[in-house]
Amino acid sequence: MRVSVIIVNYNTFKITCDCIESVIKYTSGIDYEIVLVDNASTKDDPDEFLVRFPGITLIKSKENGGFAKGNNLGIEHASGDFILLLNSDTYLTEDSISKAAAQLQNKQDVGALTVRLVYPDGKLQHTARKFRSIKNELLDLLRPFLKTLPYKRRSQLMLNQYFNGDYDTYCDWVSGAFMMFRRSLLDKMPGKILDERFFMYGEDHLWCYQFTQLGVSNYYLATTTVVHIHGASTDPDKQLQLLNKFISLELEIMKYRKGSSFYYHLFSLIFTLKEKMRYYIKVAAYRLFKVKIR
């Protein structure tokens, strides 16, 4: 069994080097390769990566085709049985790759697998999620009332919000910041590649849905942790731009799943109103109390 670690870089030389160094430092007991795709960076010479890490495979794209296209380019040059998509702004603190590969090897019913991701300050990132639905959006609005339920029950109802990331679990979709899957899955995908319809953001949600359509589940592994820097702007205008992009992508995925049906339009109304309301609450909390709500 071999794992191909695919990392896409775009103008992030320092943090990408930190990511690669952590993979080399902590990964042992498993055959692996690192395939680095430079998405036509404009700030640094990508050949410098080979100076620092002569054992990696460097692919220099002629264009910045986005996250999906970059990963597909890396997979095209990969030789592993397992593919690990690893964000350039992550770094390992233990042998997470071997642990994830062992778990995936043992679970033949799993499509994509992720691990526990945290911010640099140690706070949990919610990387095990359920697919969006009208039911789940309404449950989200009633979130305070769910605190009356036992932890395991409410965490399974609302993986996105109430799950503390403290146990292994099947889930609907997982984060693309650390996403491991069998290469053989791609043979069943349209074009035998990862769907490239999104330039950036939303791909992990879409891919995991497409994996489930192939008859497999997705999985969250709590027993190993990776740090994901994932810096978010506190500027309200930038936050609003990202929110509008996020809403647009989620609605596109829902239309892909449900078509332009009554269900889709009702979901669109509830989801958009909920997310916009949450945005303005977050902005008010930051402006009034300098509290950053994640």
C-alpha atoms as a PDB file:
ATOM      1  CA  MET A   1       0.000   0.000   0.000  1.00  0.00           C
ATOM      2  CA  ARG A   2       1.321   3.410  -0.994  1.00  0.00           C
ATOM      3  CA  VAL A   3      -0.066   6.838  -0.147  1.00  0.00           C
ATOM      4  CA  SER A   4       0.295   9.722  -2.578  1.00  0.00           C
ATOM      5  CA  VAL A   5       0.213  13.018  -0.672  1.00  0.00           C
ATOM      6  CA  ILE A   6      -1.062  15.721  -3.039  1.00  0.00           C
ATOM      7  CA  ILE A   7      -0.338  19.315  -2.018  1.00  0.00           C
ATOM      8  CA  VAL A   8      -1.404  22.298  -4.126  1.00  0.00           C
ATOM      9  CA  ASN A   9       0.611  25.485  -3.728  1.00  0.00           C
ATOM     10  CA  TYR A  10      -0.258  28.979  -4.863  1.00  0.00           C
ATOM     11  CA  ASN A  11       1.975  31.780  -3.539  1.00  0.00           C
ATOM     12  CA  THR A  12       2.354  30.136  -0.118  1.00  0.00           C
ATOM     13  CA  PHE A  13       6.002  29.059  -0.242  1.00  0.00           C
ATOM     14  CA  LYS A  14       6.747  29.292   3.499  1.00  0.00           C
ATOM     15  CA  ILE A  15       3.687  27.497   4.829  1.00  0.00           C
ATOM     16  CA  THR A  16       3.880  24.892   2.061  1.00  0.00           C
ATOM     17  CA  CYS A  17       7.477  24.182   3.088  1.00  0.00           C
ATOM     18  CA  ASP A  18       6.315  23.825   6.700  1.00  0.00           C
ATOM     19  CA  CYS A  19       3.642  21.379   5.553  1.00  0.00           C
ATOM     20  CA  ILE A  20       6.090  19.255   3.550  1.00  0.00           C
ATOM     21  CA  GLU A  21       8.631  19.267   6.390  1.00  0.00           C
ATOM     22  CA  SER A  22       5.997  18.012   8.819  1.00  0.00           C
ATOM     23  CA  VAL A  23       4.985  15.170   6.474  1.00  0.00           C
ATOM     24  CA  ILE A  24       8.607  14.056   6.113  1.00  0.00           C
ATOM     25  CA  LYS A  25       9.309  14.408   9.842  1.00  0.00           C
ATOM     26  CA  TYR A  26       6.326  12.497  11.169  1.00  0.00           C
ATOM     27  CA  THR A  27       5.399   9.932   8.516  1.00  0.00           C
ATOM     28  CA  SER A  28       6.951   6.515   9.088  1.00  0.00           C
ATOM     29  CA  GLY A  29       6.085   2.867   8.683  1.00  0.00           C
ATOM     30  CA  ILE A  30       4.281   3.444   5.397  1.00  0.00           C
ATOM     31  CA  ASP A  31       5.304   3.856   1.786  1.00  0.00           C
ATOM     32  CA  TYR A  32       4.431   7.349   0.582  1.00  0.00           C
ATOM     33  CA  GLU A  33       5.281  10.016  -1.950  1.00  0.00           C
ATOM     34  CA  ILE A  34       4.726  13.765  -2.004  1.00  0.00           C
ATOM     35  CA  VAL A  35       3.385  15.288  -5.202  1.00  0.00           C
ATOM     36  CA  LEU A  36       3.470  19.070  -5.113  1.00  0.00           C
ATOM     37  CA  VAL A  37       1.457  20.993  -7.691  1.00  0.00           C
ATOM     38  CA  ASP A  38       2.365  24.640  -8.129  1.00  0.00           C
ATOM     39  CA  ASN A  39      -0.660  26.459  -9.515  1.00  0.00           C
ATOM     40  CA  ALA A  40       1.316  29.054 -11.515  1.00  0.00           C
ATOM     41  CA  SER A  41       2.541  30.986  -8.463  1.00  0.00           C
ATOM     42  CA  THR A  42       3.643  34.547  -9.138  1.00  0.00           C
ATOM     43  CA  LYS A  43       5.658  35.304  -5.983  1.00  0.00           C
ATOM     44  CA  ASP A  44       8.222  32.513  -5.665  1.00  0.00           C
ATOM     45  CA  ASP A  45      10.128  30.241  -8.018  1.00  0.00           C
ATOM     46  CA  PRO A  46       8.569  26.773  -7.571  1.00  0.00           C
ATOM     47  CA  ASP A  47      11.930  25.147  -8.371  1.00  0.00           C
ATOM     48  CA  GLU A  48      13.021  26.290  -4.904  1.00  0.00           C
ATOM     49  CA  PHE A  49      10.850  23.498  -3.517  1.00  0.00           C
ATOM     50  CA  LEU A  50      13.141  20.957  -5.210  1.00  0.00           C
ATOM     51  CA  VAL A  51      16.166  22.629  -3.645  1.00  0.00           C
ATOM     52  CA  ARG A  52      14.589  22.204  -0.204  1.00  0.00           C
ATOM     53  CA  PHE A  53      12.981  18.816  -0.883  1.00  0.00           C
ATOM     54  CA  PRO A  54      14.740  16.950  -3.716  1.00  0.00           C
ATOM     55  CA  GLY A  55      12.714  13.773  -3.063  1.00  0.00           C
ATOM     56  CA  ILE A  56       9.322  15.240  -3.962  1.00  0.00           C
ATOM     57  CA  THR A  57       7.611  15.262  -7.349  1.00  0.00           C
ATOM     58  CA  LEU A  58       7.025  18.839  -8.517  1.00  0.00           C
ATOM     59  CA  ILE A  59       4.374  19.586 -11.116  1.00  0.00           C
ATOM     60  CA  LYS A  60       4.343  23.137 -12.487  1.00  0.00           C
ATOM     61  CA  SER A  61       0.933  24.047 -13.849  1.00  0.00           C
ATOM     62  CA  LYS A  62       0.813  26.649 -16.592  1.00  0.00           C
ATOM     63  CA  GLU A  63      -2.317  28.152 -15.051  1.00  0.00           C
ATOM     64  CA  ASN A  64      -4.011  28.567 -11.709  1.00  0.00           C
ATOM     65  CA  GLY A  65      -6.880  26.206 -12.415  1.00  0.00           C
ATOM     66  CA  GLY A  66      -8.117  26.133  -8.832  1.00  0.00           C
ATOM     67  CA  PHE A  67      -8.089  23.548  -6.073  1.00  0.00           C
ATOM     68  CA  ALA A  68      -9.865  20.708  -7.898  1.00  0.00           C
ATOM     69  CA  LYS A  69      -7.931  21.015 -11.123  1.00  0.00           C
ATOM     70  CA  GLY A  70      -4.663  21.296  -9.230  1.00  0.00           C
ATOM     71  CA  ASN A  71      -5.371  18.132  -7.278  1.00  0.00           C
ATOM     72  CA  ASN A  72      -6.375  16.253 -10.422  1.00  0.00           C
ATOM     73  CA  LEU A  73      -3.096  17.278 -11.990  1.00  0.00           C
ATOM     74  CA  GLY A  74      -1.257  15.920  -8.980  1.00  0.00           C
ATOM     75  CA  ILE A  75      -3.240  12.666  -9.008  1.00  0.00           C
ATOM     76  CA  GLU A  76      -2.391  12.234 -12.684  1.00  0.00           C
ATOM     77  CA  HIS A  77       1.292  12.041 -11.694  1.00  0.00           C
ATOM     78  CA  ALA A  78       0.724   9.994  -8.514  1.00  0.00           C
ATOM     79  CA  SER A  79       1.448   6.283  -8.104  1.00  0.00           C
ATOM     80  CA  GLY A  80      -0.246   5.510  -4.776  1.00  0.00           C
ATOM     81  CA  ASP A  81      -3.127   3.170  -3.998  1.00  0.00           C
ATOM     82  CA  PHE A  82      -4.439   5.792  -1.575  1.00  0.00           C
ATOM     83  CA  ILE A  83      -4.694   9.495  -2.373  1.00  0.00           C
ATOM     84  CA  LEU A  84      -4.351  12.103   0.371  1.00  0.00           C
ATOM     85  CA  LEU A  85      -5.393  15.642  -0.493  1.00  0.00           C
ATOM     86  CA  LEU A  86      -3.519  17.799   2.018  1.00  0.00           C
ATOM     87  CA  ASN A  87      -3.925  21.560   2.197  1.00  0.00           C
ATOM     88  CA  SER A  88      -0.713  23.557   2.037  1.00  0.00           C
ATOM     89  CA  ASP A  89      -1.748  25.411   5.220  1.00  0.00           C
ATOM     90  CA  THR A  90      -1.760  22.267   7.359  1.00  0.00           C
ATOM     91  CA  TYR A  91       1.041  20.664   9.326  1.00  0.00           C
ATOM     92  CA  LEU A  92       1.410  17.341  11.098  1.00  0.00           C
ATOM     93  CA  THR A  93       2.391  16.896  14.744  1.00  0.00           C
ATOM     94  CA  GLU A  94       2.271  13.075  14.703  1.00  0.00           C
ATOM     95  CA  ASP A  95       2.112  10.218  12.203  1.00  0.00           C
ATOM     96  CA  SER A  96      -1.425  11.037  11.098  1.00  0.00           C
ATOM     97  CA  ILE A  97      -0.965   9.751   7.553  1.00  0.00           C
ATOM     98  CA  SER A  98      -0.089   6.205   8.621  1.00  0.00           C
ATOM     99  CA  LYS A  99      -2.939   6.142  11.147  1.00  0.00           C
ATOM    100  CA  ALA A 100      -5.443   7.365   8.581  1.00  0.00           C
ATOM    101  CA  ALA A 101      -4.227   4.883   5.951  1.00  0.00           C
ATOM    102  CA  ALA A 102      -4.485   1.978   8.399  1.00  0.00           C
ATOM    103  CA  GLN A 103      -8.056   2.942   9.249  1.00  0.00           C
ATOM    104  CA  LEU A 104      -9.019   3.319   5.601  1.00  0.00           C
ATOM    105  CA  GLN A 105      -7.408  -0.026   4.781  1.00  0.00           C
ATOM    106  CA  ASN A 106      -9.548  -1.722   7.432  1.00  0.00           C
ATOM    107  CA  LYS A 107     -12.818  -0.098   6.366  1.00  0.00           C
ATOM    108  CA  GLN A 108     -13.742  -1.207   2.885  1.00  0.00           C
ATOM    109  CA  ASP A 109     -17.072   0.662   3.105  1.00  0.00           C
ATOM    110  CA  VAL A 110     -15.395   4.063   3.499  1.00  0.00           C
ATOM    111  CA  GLY A 111     -14.936   6.488   0.628  1.00  0.00           C
ATOM    112  CA  ALA A 112     -13.267   9.626   1.994  1.00  0.00           C
ATOM    113  CA  LEU A 113     -11.645   9.800   5.422  1.00  0.00           C
ATOM    114  CA  THR A 114     -10.519  12.813   7.396  1.00  0.00           C
ATOM    115  CA  VAL A 115      -8.910  13.292  10.802  1.00  0.00           C
ATOM    116  CA  ARG A 116      -9.366  15.673  13.698  1.00  0.00           C
ATOM    117  CA  LEU A 117      -8.383  19.163  12.511  1.00  0.00           C
ATOM    118  CA  VAL A 118      -7.633  22.023  14.888  1.00  0.00           C
ATOM    119  CA  TYR A 119      -6.654  25.664  14.597  1.00  0.00           C
ATOM    120  CA  PRO A 120      -3.117  26.608  15.743  1.00  0.00           C
ATOM    121  CA  ASP A 121      -4.613  27.643  19.104  1.00  0.00           C
ATOM    122  CA  GLY A 122      -5.971  24.110  19.560  1.00  0.00           C
ATOM    123  CA  LYS A 123      -9.633  24.896  18.947  1.00  0.00           C
ATOM    124  CA  LEU A 124     -11.551  22.257  17.026  1.00  0.00           C
ATOM    125  CA  GLN A 125     -12.554  22.686  13.408  1.00  0.00           C
ATOM    126  CA  HIS A 126     -15.827  21.034  12.469  1.00  0.00           C
ATOM    127  CA  THR A 127     -14.703  18.652   9.750  1.00  0.00           C
ATOM    128  CA  ALA A 128     -17.276  15.854  10.091  1.00  0.00           C
ATOM    129  CA  ARG A 129     -20.559  17.054   8.657  1.00  0.00           C
ATOM    130  CA  LYS A 130     -24.021  16.089   7.530  1.00  0.00           C
ATOM    131  CA  PHE A 131     -25.445  16.968   4.132  1.00  0.00           C
ATOM    132  CA  ARG A 132     -27.650  20.017   4.259  1.00  0.00           C
ATOM    133  CA  SER A 133     -31.400  19.532   4.329  1.00  0.00           C
ATOM    134  CA  ILE A 134     -34.466  21.490   5.363  1.00  0.00           C
ATOM    135  CA  LYS A 135     -34.664  19.358   8.500  1.00  0.00           C
ATOM    136  CA  ASN A 136     -31.061  20.097   9.465  1.00  0.00           C
ATOM    137  CA  GLU A 137     -31.429  23.833   8.814  1.00  0.00           C
ATOM    138  CA  LEU A 138     -34.472  23.935  11.108  1.00  0.00           C
ATOM    139  CA  LEU A 139     -32.592  21.931  13.743  1.00  0.00           C
ATOM    140  CA  ASP A 140     -29.792  24.464  13.473  1.00  0.00           C
ATOM    141  CA  LEU A 141     -32.250  27.267  14.274  1.00  0.00           C
ATOM    142  CA  LEU A 142     -33.402  25.273  17.317  1.00  0.00           C
ATOM    143  CA  ARG A 143     -29.851  24.554  18.409  1.00  0.00           C
ATOM    144  CA  PRO A 144     -30.200  25.806  22.052  1.00  0.00           C
ATOM    145  CA  PHE A 145     -33.097  23.426  22.679  1.00  0.00           C
ATOM    146  CA  LEU A 146     -31.023  20.430  21.606  1.00  0.00           C
ATOM    147  CA  LYS A 147     -28.809  20.879  24.656  1.00  0.00           C
ATOM    148  CA  THR A 148     -31.461  18.961  26.593  1.00  0.00           C
ATOM    149  CA  LEU A 149     -30.552  15.797  24.662  1.00  0.00           C
ATOM    150  CA  PRO A 150     -27.722  13.436  25.681  1.00  0.00           C
ATOM    151  CA  TYR A 151     -24.419  14.426  24.067  1.00  0.00           C
ATOM    152  CA  LYS A 152     -24.129  11.422  21.727  1.00  0.00           C
ATOM    153  CA  ARG A 153     -27.687  11.933  20.471  1.00  0.00           C
ATOM    154  CA  ARG A 154     -27.389  15.660  19.793  1.00  0.00           C
ATOM    155  CA  SER A 155     -23.881  15.336  18.338  1.00  0.00           C
ATOM    156  CA  GLN A 156     -25.154  12.831  15.774  1.00  0.00           C
ATOM    157  CA  LEU A 157     -28.128  15.064  14.980  1.00  0.00           C
ATOM    158  CA  MET A 158     -25.920  18.125  14.518  1.00  0.00           C
ATOM    159  CA  LEU A 159     -22.403  16.972  13.655  1.00  0.00           C
ATOM    160  CA  ASN A 160     -21.583  20.436  12.332  1.00  0.00           C
ATOM    161  CA  GLN A 161     -22.283  22.180  15.617  1.00  0.00           C
ATOM    162  CA  TYR A 162     -22.551  19.878  18.624  1.00  0.00           C
ATOM    163  CA  PHE A 163     -19.927  17.268  17.820  1.00  0.00           C
ATOM    164  CA  ASN A 164     -16.750  17.799  19.853  1.00  0.00           C
ATOM    165  CA  GLY A 165     -14.657  15.653  17.536  1.00  0.00           C
ATOM    166  CA  ASP A 166     -13.999  13.198  20.350  1.00  0.00           C
ATOM    167  CA  TYR A 167     -15.000   9.892  18.776  1.00  0.00           C
ATOM    168  CA  ASP A 168     -14.722   8.152  15.423  1.00  0.00           C
ATOM    169  CA  THR A 169     -17.881   8.326  13.353  1.00  0.00           C
ATOM    170  CA  TYR A 170     -19.372   7.869   9.932  1.00  0.00           C
ATOM    171  CA  CYS A 171     -20.603  11.143   8.481  1.00  0.00           C
ATOM    172  CA  ASP A 172     -21.938  12.557   5.221  1.00  0.00           C
ATOM    173  CA  TRP A 173     -18.942  14.632   4.198  1.00  0.00           C
ATOM    174  CA  VAL A 174     -15.493  15.525   5.426  1.00  0.00           C
ATOM    175  CA  SER A 175     -12.998  18.343   5.036  1.00  0.00           C
ATOM    176  CA  GLY A 176     -10.856  18.571   1.915  1.00  0.00           C
ATOM    177  CA  ALA A 177      -7.999  19.986   4.005  1.00  0.00           C
ATOM    178  CA  PHE A 178      -7.125  16.380   4.853  1.00  0.00           C
ATOM    179  CA  MET A 179      -9.049  13.951   2.661  1.00  0.00           C
ATOM    180  CA  MET A 180      -7.840  10.416   2.036  1.00  0.00           C
ATOM    181  CA  PHE A 181      -9.537   7.989  -0.359  1.00  0.00           C
ATOM    182  CA  ARG A 182      -8.772   4.981  -2.529  1.00  0.00           C
ATOM    183  CA  ARG A 183      -7.550   5.825  -5.984  1.00  0.00           C
ATOM    184  CA  SER A 184      -9.841   3.126  -7.346  1.00  0.00           C
ATOM    185  CA  LEU A 185     -12.837   5.317  -6.471  1.00  0.00           C
ATOM    186  CA  LEU A 186     -11.844   7.702  -9.248  1.00  0.00           C
ATOM    187  CA  ASP A 187     -12.363   4.965 -11.831  1.00  0.00           C
ATOM    188  CA  LYS A 188     -16.090   5.198 -11.033  1.00  0.00           C
ATOM    189  CA  MET A 189     -16.268   8.998 -11.189  1.00  0.00           C
ATOM    190  CA  PRO A 190     -17.305  10.923 -14.331  1.00  0.00           C
ATOM    191  CA  GLY A 191     -14.188  11.320 -16.431  1.00  0.00           C
ATOM    192  CA  LYS A 192     -12.314   9.289 -13.789  1.00  0.00           C
ATOM    193  CA  ILE A 193     -11.292  12.523 -12.052  1.00  0.00           C
ATOM    194  CA  LEU A 194     -12.495  14.705  -9.196  1.00  0.00           C
ATOM    195  CA  ASP A 195     -15.290  17.037 -10.276  1.00  0.00           C
ATOM    196  CA  GLU A 196     -13.767  20.382 -11.312  1.00  0.00           C
ATOM    197  CA  ARG A 197     -16.906  22.527 -11.514  1.00  0.00           C
ATOM    198  CA  PHE A 198     -15.824  24.657  -8.514  1.00  0.00           C
ATOM    199  CA  PHE A 199     -12.659  26.762  -8.631  1.00  0.00           C
ATOM    200  CA  MET A 200     -12.298  26.953  -4.857  1.00  0.00           C
ATOM    201  CA  TYR A 201     -14.482  26.024  -1.854  1.00  0.00           C
ATOM    202  CA  GLY A 202     -17.329  23.513  -1.846  1.00  0.00           C
ATOM    203  CA  GLU A 203     -15.377  20.785  -3.613  1.00  0.00           C
ATOM    204  CA  ASP A 204     -15.115  18.511  -0.566  1.00  0.00           C
ATOM    205  CA  HIS A 205     -18.882  18.637  -0.027  1.00  0.00           C
ATOM    206  CA  LEU A 206     -19.547  17.835  -3.687  1.00  0.00           C
ATOM    207  CA  TRP A 207     -16.965  15.043  -3.909  1.00  0.00           C
ATOM    208  CA  CYS A 208     -18.218  13.341  -0.761  1.00  0.00           C
ATOM    209  CA  TYR A 209     -21.773  13.407  -2.074  1.00  0.00           C
ATOM    210  CA  GLN A 210     -20.578  11.869  -5.319  1.00  0.00           C
ATOM    211  CA  PHE A 211     -18.687   9.206  -3.360  1.00  0.00           C
ATOM    212  CA  THR A 212     -21.860   8.274  -1.453  1.00  0.00           C
ATOM    213  CA  GLN A 213     -23.624   7.890  -4.792  1.00  0.00           C
ATOM    214  CA  LEU A 214     -21.113   5.139  -5.495  1.00  0.00           C
ATOM    215  CA  GLY A 215     -22.325   3.225  -2.434  1.00  0.00           C
ATOM    216  CA  VAL A 216     -19.650   4.125   0.131  1.00  0.00           C
ATOM    217  CA  SER A 217     -19.739   6.190   3.314  1.00  0.00           C
ATOM    218  CA  ASN A 218     -17.378   8.862   4.601  1.00  0.00           C
ATOM    219  CA  TYR A 219     -15.544   8.753   7.907  1.00  0.00           C
ATOM    220  CA  TYR A 220     -14.065  10.929  10.634  1.00  0.00           C
ATOM    221  CA  LEU A 221     -11.079   9.634  12.614  1.00  0.00           C
ATOM    222  CA  ALA A 222     -10.754  11.270  16.038  1.00  0.00           C
ATOM    223  CA  THR A 223      -7.623   9.503  17.228  1.00  0.00           C
ATOM    224  CA  THR A 224      -5.098  11.629  15.355  1.00  0.00           C
ATOM    225  CA  THR A 225      -4.866  15.401  14.958  1.00  0.00           C
ATOM    226  CA  VAL A 226      -3.582  17.720  12.227  1.00  0.00           C
ATOM    227  CA  VAL A 227      -3.232  21.495  12.542  1.00  0.00           C
ATOM    228  CA  HIS A 228      -5.025  23.548   9.887  1.00  0.00           C
ATOM    229  CA  ILE A 229      -4.103  27.244   9.930  1.00  0.00           C
ATOM    230  CA  HIS A 230      -7.167  28.293   7.930  1.00  0.00           C
ATOM    231  CA  GLY A 231      -6.977  32.013   8.708  1.00  0.00           C
ATOM    232  CA  ALA A 232     -10.259  33.887   8.396  1.00  0.00           C
ATOM    233  CA  SER A 233     -10.569  37.601   7.793  1.00  0.00           C
ATOM    234  CA  THR A 234     -12.310  39.723  10.424  1.00  0.00           C
ATOM    235  CA  ASP A 235     -13.108  42.428   7.878  1.00  0.00           C
ATOM    236  CA  PRO A 236     -16.931  42.529   7.570  1.00  0.00           C
ATOM    237  CA  ASP A 237     -16.870  43.261   3.837  1.00  0.00           C
ATOM    238  CA  LYS A 238     -14.561  40.307   3.122  1.00  0.00           C
ATOM    239  CA  GLN A 239     -16.655  38.109   5.401  1.00  0.00           C
ATOM    240  CA  LEU A 240     -19.775  39.087   3.480  1.00  0.00           C
ATOM    241  CA  GLN A 241     -18.101  38.297   0.160  1.00  0.00           C
ATOM    242  CA  LEU A 242     -17.086  34.862   1.459  1.00  0.00           C
ATOM    243  CA  LEU A 243     -20.567  34.280   2.861  1.00  0.00           C
ATOM    244  CA  ASN A 244     -22.221  35.091  -0.445  1.00  0.00           C
ATOM    245  CA  LYS A 245     -19.788  32.739  -2.192  1.00  0.00           C
ATOM    246  CA  PHE A 246     -20.473  30.034   0.390  1.00  0.00           C
ATOM    247  CA  ILE A 247     -24.248  30.392   0.019  1.00  0.00           C
ATOM    248  CA  SER A 248     -23.980  30.290  -3.772  1.00  0.00           C
ATOM    249  CA  LEU A 249     -21.901  27.092  -3.692  1.00  0.00           C
ATOM    250  CA  GLU A 250     -24.171  25.364  -1.166  1.00  0.00           C
ATOM    251  CA  LEU A 251     -27.219  26.177  -3.267  1.00  0.00           C
ATOM    252  CA  GLU A 252     -25.501  24.869  -6.382  1.00  0.00           C
ATOM    253  CA  ILE A 253     -24.761  21.596  -4.602  1.00  0.00           C
ATOM    254  CA  MET A 254     -28.348  21.354  -3.378  1.00  0.00           C
ATOM    255  CA  LYS A 255     -29.631  21.927  -6.918  1.00  0.00           C
ATOM    256  CA  TYR A 256     -27.249  19.205  -8.094  1.00  0.00           C
ATOM    257  CA  ARG A 257     -28.781  16.861  -5.505  1.00  0.00           C
ATOM    258  CA  LYS A 258     -32.462  17.834  -5.724  1.00  0.00           C
ATOM    259  CA  GLY A 259     -32.871  19.645  -9.034  1.00  0.00           C
ATOM    260  CA  SER A 260     -34.857  22.874  -9.365  1.00  0.00           C
ATOM    261  CA  SER A 261     -37.690  21.495  -7.246  1.00  0.00           C
ATOM    262  CA  PHE A 262     -39.998  22.930  -4.603  1.00  0.00           C
ATOM    263  CA  TYR A 263     -37.702  21.351  -2.007  1.00  0.00           C
ATOM    264  CA  TYR A 264     -34.721  23.215  -3.436  1.00  0.00           C
ATOM    265  CA  HIS A 265     -36.515  26.583  -3.402  1.00  0.00           C
ATOM    266  CA  LEU A 266     -37.775  26.143   0.158  1.00  0.00           C
ATOM    267  CA  PHE A 267     -34.325  25.082   1.304  1.00  0.00           C
ATOM    268  CA  SER A 268     -32.823  28.091  -0.467  1.00  0.00           C
ATOM    269  CA  LEU A 269     -35.095  30.498   1.407  1.00  0.00           C
ATOM    270  CA  ILE A 270     -34.516  28.984   4.845  1.00  0.00           C
ATOM    271  CA  PHE A 271     -30.777  28.501   4.385  1.00  0.00           C
ATOM    272  CA  THR A 272     -30.087  31.966   2.983  1.00  0.00           C
ATOM    273  CA  LEU A 273     -32.069  33.772   5.680  1.00  0.00           C
ATOM    274  CA  LYS A 274     -30.425  31.730   8.433  1.00  0.00           C
ATOM    275  CA  GLU A 275     -26.879  32.326   7.211  1.00  0.00           C
ATOM    276  CA  LYS A 276     -27.391  36.050   6.624  1.00  0.00           C
ATOM    277  CA  MET A 277     -28.904  36.427  10.100  1.00  0.00           C
ATOM    278  CA  ARG A 278     -25.940  34.587  11.615  1.00  0.00           C
ATOM    279  CA  TYR A 279     -23.524  36.811   9.712  1.00  0.00           C
ATOM    280  CA  TYR A 280     -24.990  40.011  11.116  1.00  0.00           C
ATOM    281  CA  ILE A 281     -24.934  38.573  14.641  1.00  0.00           C
ATOM    282  CA  LYS A 282     -21.249  37.709  14.204  1.00  0.00           C
ATOM    283  CA  VAL A 283     -20.442  41.204  12.899  1.00  0.00           C
ATOM    284  CA  ALA A 284     -22.268  42.827  15.807  1.00  0.00           C
ATOM    285  CA  ALA A 285     -20.435  40.626  18.322  1.00  0.00           C
ATOM    286  CA  TYR A 286     -17.073  41.551  16.818  1.00  0.00           C
ATOM    287  CA  ARG A 287     -17.764  45.260  16.541  1.00  0.00           C
ATOM    288  CA  LEU A 288     -19.275  45.618  20.003  1.00  0.00           C
ATOM    289  CA  PHE A 289     -17.229  43.153  22.020  1.00  0.00           C
ATOM    290  CA  LYS A 290     -14.272  42.212  19.755  1.00  0.00           C
ATOM    291  CA  VAL A 291     -15.470  38.624  20.029  1.00  0.00           C
ATOM    292  CA  LYS A 292     -14.745  36.458  16.998  1.00  0.00           C
ATOM    293  CA  ILE A 293     -17.429  33.803  16.632  1.00  0.00           C
ATOM    294  CA  ARG A 294     -16.413  30.799  14.525  1.00  0.00           C
END
